[in-house]
Amino acid sequence: MDGIAVLEQVKQTHPETEVIVATAFGEMDLAIRALQLDASDFITKPLHSEALTIALERAQTRYNDRKQLMDYTIFLEREVEDQARILRQSRAIPPPPCSGGSEGYLRPPPGRVGRPRRSDSPRRSIMSGATLPALW
């Protein structure tokens, strides 16, 4: 079993595991294939301590980033579930009626019946500067 086959096997059974592929062949095709299979890094033999240290640091960073992302995803999913539960519960309880009447609709204050007239307390539109009638 070659290194690429080992990488495929490890990623199939434990996709969260970071794998550094080390090979005596510095072929570009092999490196590209390893990275396509989600290897953390690709280094050539003989191993040099500096290259190995850099590869290990990258693998550690990738592992930490993935773990943090997974934890945050779980947190967000729980928040969404909690908010959905709260929403479902709030819809099960009928809303309190408004103060304007028994049917729960807002009504104009006493003495104001019908459509507002243009002469009632004009207001200016911020967008166009046009005069708009007051609602009540």
N, C-alpha and C. Protein backbone atom coordinates (compact mmCIF):
# COMPACT_ATOMS: atom_id res chain seq x y z
N MET A 1 0.86 -1.17 0.00
CA MET A 1 0.00 0.00 0.00
C MET A 1 0.91 1.24 0.00
N ASP A 2 0.72 2.13 -0.97
CA ASP A 2 1.54 3.34 -1.04
C ASP A 2 0.94 4.45 -0.18
N GLY A 3 1.64 5.58 -0.10
CA GLY A 3 1.21 6.68 0.76
C GLY A 3 -0.13 7.27 0.37
N ILE A 4 -0.42 7.33 -0.92
CA ILE A 4 -1.70 7.87 -1.38
C ILE A 4 -2.84 6.95 -0.96
N ALA A 5 -2.62 5.63 -1.05
CA ALA A 5 -3.65 4.67 -0.62
C ALA A 5 -3.88 4.78 0.88
N VAL A 6 -2.81 4.97 1.65
CA VAL A 6 -2.95 5.14 3.10
C VAL A 6 -3.74 6.42 3.40
N LEU A 7 -3.40 7.50 2.68
CA LEU A 7 -4.11 8.76 2.85
C LEU A 7 -5.60 8.58 2.56
N GLU A 8 -5.94 7.92 1.47
CA GLU A 8 -7.35 7.70 1.13
C GLU A 8 -8.05 6.91 2.22
N GLN A 9 -7.40 5.86 2.72
CA GLN A 9 -8.00 5.02 3.76
C GLN A 9 -8.22 5.80 5.05
N VAL A 10 -7.22 6.57 5.46
CA VAL A 10 -7.34 7.36 6.70
C VAL A 10 -8.46 8.38 6.57
N LYS A 11 -8.52 9.08 5.44
CA LYS A 11 -9.54 10.11 5.26
C LYS A 11 -10.94 9.52 5.15
N GLN A 12 -11.06 8.30 4.65
CA GLN A 12 -12.38 7.66 4.59
C GLN A 12 -12.87 7.27 5.97
N THR A 13 -11.98 6.76 6.80
CA THR A 13 -12.40 6.30 8.13
C THR A 13 -12.38 7.40 9.19
N HIS A 14 -11.45 8.35 9.06
CA HIS A 14 -11.31 9.44 10.04
C HIS A 14 -11.04 10.76 9.31
N PRO A 15 -12.06 11.35 8.71
CA PRO A 15 -11.85 12.55 7.89
C PRO A 15 -11.30 13.75 8.65
N GLU A 16 -11.44 13.77 9.97
CA GLU A 16 -10.93 14.90 10.75
C GLU A 16 -9.43 14.80 11.01
N THR A 17 -8.82 13.66 10.71
CA THR A 17 -7.40 13.45 10.95
C THR A 17 -6.57 14.19 9.92
N GLU A 18 -5.57 14.92 10.40
CA GLU A 18 -4.65 15.63 9.50
C GLU A 18 -3.52 14.67 9.11
N VAL A 19 -3.23 14.60 7.83
CA VAL A 19 -2.22 13.68 7.31
C VAL A 19 -1.16 14.48 6.57
N ILE A 20 0.10 14.21 6.90
CA ILE A 20 1.22 14.80 6.18
C ILE A 20 1.84 13.67 5.36
N VAL A 21 1.89 13.86 4.06
CA VAL A 21 2.45 12.84 3.18
C VAL A 21 3.93 13.12 2.99
N ALA A 22 4.75 12.11 3.28
CA ALA A 22 6.20 12.22 3.08
C ALA A 22 6.60 11.16 2.06
N THR A 23 7.33 11.59 1.04
CA THR A 23 7.71 10.66 -0.01
C THR A 23 9.13 10.96 -0.49
N ALA A 24 9.78 9.94 -1.03
CA ALA A 24 11.12 10.12 -1.58
C ALA A 24 11.05 10.73 -2.97
N PHE A 25 9.88 10.71 -3.56
CA PHE A 25 9.70 11.25 -4.90
C PHE A 25 9.08 12.64 -4.81
N GLY A 26 9.73 13.61 -5.41
CA GLY A 26 9.21 14.97 -5.36
C GLY A 26 8.35 15.30 -6.56
N GLU A 27 7.60 14.34 -7.04
CA GLU A 27 6.78 14.55 -8.23
C GLU A 27 5.60 15.48 -7.93
N MET A 28 5.41 16.43 -8.82
CA MET A 28 4.33 17.40 -8.66
C MET A 28 2.97 16.73 -8.73
N ASP A 29 2.77 15.75 -9.62
CA ASP A 29 1.49 15.06 -9.75
C ASP A 29 1.10 14.36 -8.45
N LEU A 30 2.10 13.75 -7.79
CA LEU A 30 1.85 13.06 -6.53
C LEU A 30 1.45 14.06 -5.44
N ALA A 31 2.12 15.20 -5.39
CA ALA A 31 1.80 16.23 -4.40
C ALA A 31 0.39 16.78 -4.63
N ILE A 32 0.05 17.04 -5.89
CA ILE A 32 -1.29 17.55 -6.20
C ILE A 32 -2.35 16.54 -5.80
N ARG A 33 -2.11 15.27 -6.11
CA ARG A 33 -3.08 14.22 -5.75
C ARG A 33 -3.25 14.14 -4.23
N ALA A 34 -2.16 14.23 -3.49
CA ALA A 34 -2.24 14.17 -2.02
C ALA A 34 -3.05 15.35 -1.48
N LEU A 35 -2.82 16.54 -2.02
CA LEU A 35 -3.55 17.71 -1.54
C LEU A 35 -5.02 17.64 -1.94
N GLN A 36 -5.31 17.05 -3.12
CA GLN A 36 -6.70 16.87 -3.53
C GLN A 36 -7.44 15.92 -2.60
N LEU A 37 -6.69 14.98 -2.03
CA LEU A 37 -7.28 14.02 -1.08
C LEU A 37 -7.29 14.58 0.34
N ASP A 38 -7.01 15.87 0.48
CA ASP A 38 -7.09 16.59 1.75
C ASP A 38 -5.92 16.32 2.70
N ALA A 39 -4.74 16.06 2.15
CA ALA A 39 -3.55 15.96 3.00
C ALA A 39 -3.24 17.35 3.53
N SER A 40 -2.74 17.43 4.75
CA SER A 40 -2.36 18.72 5.33
C SER A 40 -1.17 19.31 4.62
N ASP A 41 -0.24 18.44 4.27
CA ASP A 41 0.99 18.90 3.64
C ASP A 41 1.64 17.74 2.90
N PHE A 42 2.64 18.09 2.12
CA PHE A 42 3.39 17.12 1.32
C PHE A 42 4.85 17.50 1.42
N ILE A 43 5.66 16.61 1.98
CA ILE A 43 7.09 16.90 2.10
C ILE A 43 7.89 15.73 1.53
N THR A 44 9.11 16.02 1.12
CA THR A 44 9.95 14.99 0.50
C THR A 44 10.99 14.46 1.50
N LYS A 45 11.37 13.22 1.27
CA LYS A 45 12.44 12.60 2.06
C LYS A 45 13.75 12.89 1.36
N PRO A 46 14.83 12.95 2.06
CA PRO A 46 14.97 12.82 3.50
C PRO A 46 14.34 14.03 4.21
N LEU A 47 13.75 13.71 5.35
CA LEU A 47 13.06 14.76 6.10
C LEU A 47 14.06 15.70 6.76
N HIS A 48 13.78 16.98 6.65
CA HIS A 48 14.58 18.00 7.32
C HIS A 48 13.74 18.55 8.46
N SER A 49 14.38 18.80 9.57
CA SER A 49 13.62 19.22 10.76
C SER A 49 12.82 20.50 10.51
N GLU A 50 13.37 21.43 9.74
CA GLU A 50 12.64 22.68 9.48
C GLU A 50 11.37 22.42 8.66
N ALA A 51 11.46 21.61 7.62
CA ALA A 51 10.30 21.29 6.79
C ALA A 51 9.26 20.52 7.59
N LEU A 52 9.72 19.60 8.41
CA LEU A 52 8.79 18.81 9.24
C LEU A 52 8.10 19.70 10.27
N THR A 53 8.85 20.61 10.88
CA THR A 53 8.27 21.52 11.87
C THR A 53 7.19 22.39 11.23
N ILE A 54 7.47 22.92 10.05
CA ILE A 54 6.49 23.76 9.35
C ILE A 54 5.25 22.94 9.00
N ALA A 55 5.45 21.72 8.51
CA ALA A 55 4.31 20.86 8.15
C ALA A 55 3.48 20.52 9.38
N LEU A 56 4.12 20.24 10.50
CA LEU A 56 3.39 19.93 11.73
C LEU A 56 2.61 21.15 12.24
N GLU A 57 3.22 22.33 12.14
CA GLU A 57 2.52 23.55 12.57
C GLU A 57 1.30 23.81 11.69
N ARG A 58 1.43 23.59 10.39
CA ARG A 58 0.29 23.77 9.49
C ARG A 58 -0.82 22.78 9.82
N ALA A 59 -0.43 21.53 10.06
CA ALA A 59 -1.42 20.51 10.40
C ALA A 59 -2.14 20.86 11.70
N GLN A 60 -1.40 21.34 12.69
CA GLN A 60 -2.00 21.74 13.96
C GLN A 60 -2.96 22.90 13.77
N THR A 61 -2.57 23.88 12.98
CA THR A 61 -3.42 25.03 12.70
C THR A 61 -4.70 24.60 11.99
N ARG A 62 -4.57 23.75 10.98
CA ARG A 62 -5.75 23.26 10.26
C ARG A 62 -6.68 22.51 11.19
N TYR A 63 -6.11 21.67 12.05
CA TYR A 63 -6.92 20.90 13.00
C TYR A 63 -7.67 21.84 13.94
N ASN A 64 -6.96 22.82 14.48
CA ASN A 64 -7.59 23.78 15.41
C ASN A 64 -8.68 24.59 14.72
N ASP A 65 -8.41 25.04 13.49
CA ASP A 65 -9.41 25.81 12.74
C ASP A 65 -10.66 24.99 12.47
N ARG A 66 -10.47 23.75 12.06
CA ARG A 66 -11.63 22.87 11.80
C ARG A 66 -12.41 22.59 13.06
N LYS A 67 -11.71 22.37 14.15
CA LYS A 67 -12.37 22.10 15.44
C LYS A 67 -13.17 23.32 15.87
N GLN A 68 -12.58 24.49 15.75
CA GLN A 68 -13.27 25.72 16.13
C GLN A 68 -14.50 25.94 15.24
N LEU A 69 -14.37 25.69 13.96
CA LEU A 69 -15.49 25.84 13.05
C LEU A 69 -16.61 24.85 13.38
N MET A 70 -16.24 23.62 13.69
CA MET A 70 -17.24 22.61 14.06
C MET A 70 -17.95 22.98 15.35
N ASP A 71 -17.20 23.45 16.34
CA ASP A 71 -17.81 23.87 17.60
C ASP A 71 -18.77 25.05 17.38
N TYR A 72 -18.37 26.00 16.55
CA TYR A 72 -19.22 27.15 16.28
C TYR A 72 -20.47 26.74 15.51
N THR A 73 -20.32 25.81 14.58
CA THR A 73 -21.46 25.31 13.82
C THR A 73 -22.46 24.64 14.76
N ILE A 74 -21.99 23.83 15.67
CA ILE A 74 -22.86 23.17 16.64
C ILE A 74 -23.56 24.21 17.51
N PHE A 75 -22.82 25.24 17.94
CA PHE A 75 -23.41 26.32 18.74
C PHE A 75 -24.54 27.01 17.97
N LEU A 76 -24.28 27.34 16.71
CA LEU A 76 -25.29 28.02 15.90
C LEU A 76 -26.52 27.14 15.67
N GLU A 77 -26.30 25.86 15.43
CA GLU A 77 -27.43 24.95 15.23
C GLU A 77 -28.29 24.87 16.49
N ARG A 78 -27.67 24.85 17.65
CA ARG A 78 -28.42 24.83 18.90
C ARG A 78 -29.20 26.13 19.09
N GLU A 79 -28.57 27.25 18.75
CA GLU A 79 -29.26 28.54 18.86
C GLU A 79 -30.48 28.58 17.95
N VAL A 80 -30.34 28.09 16.73
CA VAL A 80 -31.46 28.08 15.79
C VAL A 80 -32.58 27.18 16.33
N GLU A 81 -32.22 26.02 16.86
CA GLU A 81 -33.23 25.13 17.44
C GLU A 81 -33.94 25.80 18.61
N ASP A 82 -33.19 26.48 19.47
CA ASP A 82 -33.80 27.17 20.62
C ASP A 82 -34.74 28.27 20.16
N GLN A 83 -34.31 29.07 19.20
CA GLN A 83 -35.15 30.15 18.70
C GLN A 83 -36.40 29.61 18.01
N ALA A 84 -36.27 28.50 17.28
CA ALA A 84 -37.43 27.90 16.63
C ALA A 84 -38.42 27.39 17.67
N ARG A 85 -37.90 26.80 18.75
CA ARG A 85 -38.76 26.32 19.83
C ARG A 85 -39.50 27.48 20.48
N ILE A 86 -38.79 28.56 20.73
CA ILE A 86 -39.40 29.74 21.34
C ILE A 86 -40.48 30.31 20.42
N LEU A 87 -40.18 30.36 19.14
CA LEU A 87 -41.17 30.87 18.17
C LEU A 87 -42.41 29.98 18.14
N ARG A 88 -42.21 28.67 18.12
CA ARG A 88 -43.36 27.76 18.12
C ARG A 88 -44.20 27.94 19.38
N GLN A 89 -43.54 28.10 20.51
CA GLN A 89 -44.27 28.30 21.76
C GLN A 89 -45.01 29.63 21.77
N SER A 90 -44.41 30.67 21.23
CA SER A 90 -45.06 31.97 21.23
C SER A 90 -46.28 31.98 20.30
N ARG A 91 -46.26 31.20 19.27
CA ARG A 91 -47.41 31.13 18.36
C ARG A 91 -48.54 30.29 18.96
N ALA A 92 -48.22 29.44 19.90
CA ALA A 92 -49.24 28.61 20.55
C ALA A 92 -50.06 29.43 21.54
N ILE A 93 -49.50 30.52 22.05
CA ILE A 93 -50.19 31.39 22.99
C ILE A 93 -50.77 32.55 22.19
N PRO A 94 -52.07 32.78 22.25
CA PRO A 94 -52.65 33.89 21.47
C PRO A 94 -52.12 35.22 21.96
N PRO A 95 -51.87 36.15 21.05
CA PRO A 95 -51.36 37.46 21.47
C PRO A 95 -52.43 38.22 22.23
N PRO A 96 -52.04 39.10 23.15
CA PRO A 96 -53.04 39.88 23.90
C PRO A 96 -53.74 40.84 22.96
N PRO A 97 -55.03 41.12 23.21
CA PRO A 97 -55.74 42.07 22.35
C PRO A 97 -55.18 43.47 22.52
N CYS A 98 -55.26 44.26 21.47
CA CYS A 98 -54.80 45.65 21.52
C CYS A 98 -55.79 46.47 22.33
N SER A 99 -55.37 47.62 22.73
CA SER A 99 -56.20 48.44 23.61
C SER A 99 -57.36 49.12 22.89
N GLY A 100 -57.47 48.97 21.56
CA GLY A 100 -58.47 49.70 20.81
C GLY A 100 -59.82 49.03 20.73
N GLY A 101 -59.99 47.82 21.13
CA GLY A 101 -61.30 47.18 21.01
C GLY A 101 -61.21 45.70 21.25
N SER A 102 -62.38 45.08 21.37
CA SER A 102 -62.41 43.66 21.71
C SER A 102 -61.96 42.77 20.57
N GLU A 103 -62.02 43.27 19.32
CA GLU A 103 -61.61 42.40 18.22
C GLU A 103 -60.09 42.43 18.00
N GLY A 104 -59.38 43.25 18.79
CA GLY A 104 -57.93 43.25 18.74
C GLY A 104 -57.32 44.18 17.72
N TYR A 105 -58.12 45.04 17.08
CA TYR A 105 -57.58 45.97 16.09
C TYR A 105 -57.40 47.34 16.73
N LEU A 106 -56.42 48.07 16.24
CA LEU A 106 -56.23 49.43 16.72
C LEU A 106 -57.33 50.32 16.15
N ARG A 107 -57.80 51.21 16.95
CA ARG A 107 -58.83 52.15 16.52
C ARG A 107 -58.30 53.56 16.70
N PRO A 108 -58.84 54.50 15.92
CA PRO A 108 -58.40 55.88 16.12
C PRO A 108 -58.91 56.40 17.46
N PRO A 109 -58.28 57.42 17.99
CA PRO A 109 -58.75 57.98 19.25
C PRO A 109 -60.18 58.51 19.11
N PRO A 110 -60.91 58.60 20.21
CA PRO A 110 -62.28 59.10 20.14
C PRO A 110 -62.33 60.46 19.47
N GLY A 111 -63.39 60.69 18.68
CA GLY A 111 -63.55 61.96 17.99
C GLY A 111 -62.94 61.94 16.59
N ARG A 112 -62.17 60.94 16.24
CA ARG A 112 -61.55 60.83 14.92
C ARG A 112 -62.16 59.62 14.22
N VAL A 113 -63.10 59.85 13.37
CA VAL A 113 -63.76 58.77 12.66
C VAL A 113 -63.59 59.03 11.17
N GLY A 114 -63.33 57.99 10.41
CA GLY A 114 -63.21 58.14 8.97
C GLY A 114 -61.78 58.45 8.55
N ARG A 115 -61.65 58.81 7.26
CA ARG A 115 -60.33 59.11 6.71
C ARG A 115 -59.83 60.45 7.20
N PRO A 116 -58.54 60.58 7.39
CA PRO A 116 -57.99 61.87 7.79
C PRO A 116 -58.13 62.88 6.65
N ARG A 117 -58.32 64.13 6.99
CA ARG A 117 -58.41 65.18 5.98
C ARG A 117 -57.03 65.77 5.75
N ARG A 118 -56.87 66.38 4.58
CA ARG A 118 -55.58 66.98 4.23
C ARG A 118 -55.21 68.11 5.19
N SER A 119 -56.18 68.75 5.76
CA SER A 119 -55.89 69.88 6.64
C SER A 119 -55.44 69.42 8.03
N ASP A 120 -55.58 68.11 8.32
CA ASP A 120 -55.19 67.61 9.64
C ASP A 120 -53.67 67.53 9.75
N SER A 121 -53.08 68.35 10.54
CA SER A 121 -51.68 68.27 10.91
C SER A 121 -50.79 67.74 9.79
N PRO A 122 -50.49 68.50 8.77
CA PRO A 122 -49.68 68.01 7.66
C PRO A 122 -48.27 67.65 8.11
N ARG A 123 -47.70 66.66 7.44
CA ARG A 123 -46.33 66.21 7.72
C ARG A 123 -45.55 66.20 6.43
N ARG A 124 -44.30 66.42 6.51
CA ARG A 124 -43.45 66.43 5.32
C ARG A 124 -42.79 65.07 5.13
N SER A 125 -42.75 64.64 3.88
CA SER A 125 -42.05 63.40 3.54
C SER A 125 -40.56 63.69 3.48
N ILE A 126 -39.77 62.88 4.10
CA ILE A 126 -38.32 63.07 4.11
C ILE A 126 -37.76 62.88 2.70
N MET A 127 -38.30 61.94 1.96
CA MET A 127 -37.77 61.62 0.64
C MET A 127 -38.06 62.73 -0.39
N SER A 128 -39.29 63.16 -0.49
CA SER A 128 -39.65 64.08 -1.58
C SER A 128 -40.00 65.48 -1.11
N GLY A 129 -40.21 65.67 0.17
CA GLY A 129 -40.61 66.96 0.68
C GLY A 129 -42.10 67.24 0.48
N ALA A 130 -42.85 66.23 -0.01
CA ALA A 130 -44.28 66.41 -0.26
C ALA A 130 -45.02 66.41 1.07
N THR A 131 -46.15 67.06 1.10
CA THR A 131 -46.96 67.13 2.30
C THR A 131 -47.85 65.91 2.36
N LEU A 132 -47.81 65.21 3.49
CA LEU A 132 -48.64 64.03 3.69
C LEU A 132 -49.60 64.30 4.83
N PRO A 133 -50.83 63.79 4.76
CA PRO A 133 -51.77 64.00 5.87
C PRO A 133 -51.36 63.16 7.08
N ALA A 134 -51.71 63.65 8.24
CA ALA A 134 -51.48 62.89 9.48
C ALA A 134 -52.42 61.70 9.49
N LEU A 135 -52.00 60.61 10.09
CA LEU A 135 -52.84 59.42 10.14
C LEU A 135 -53.99 59.58 11.12
N TRP A 136 -53.81 60.27 12.23
CA TRP A 136 -54.88 60.44 13.21
C TRP A 136 -54.87 61.84 13.71
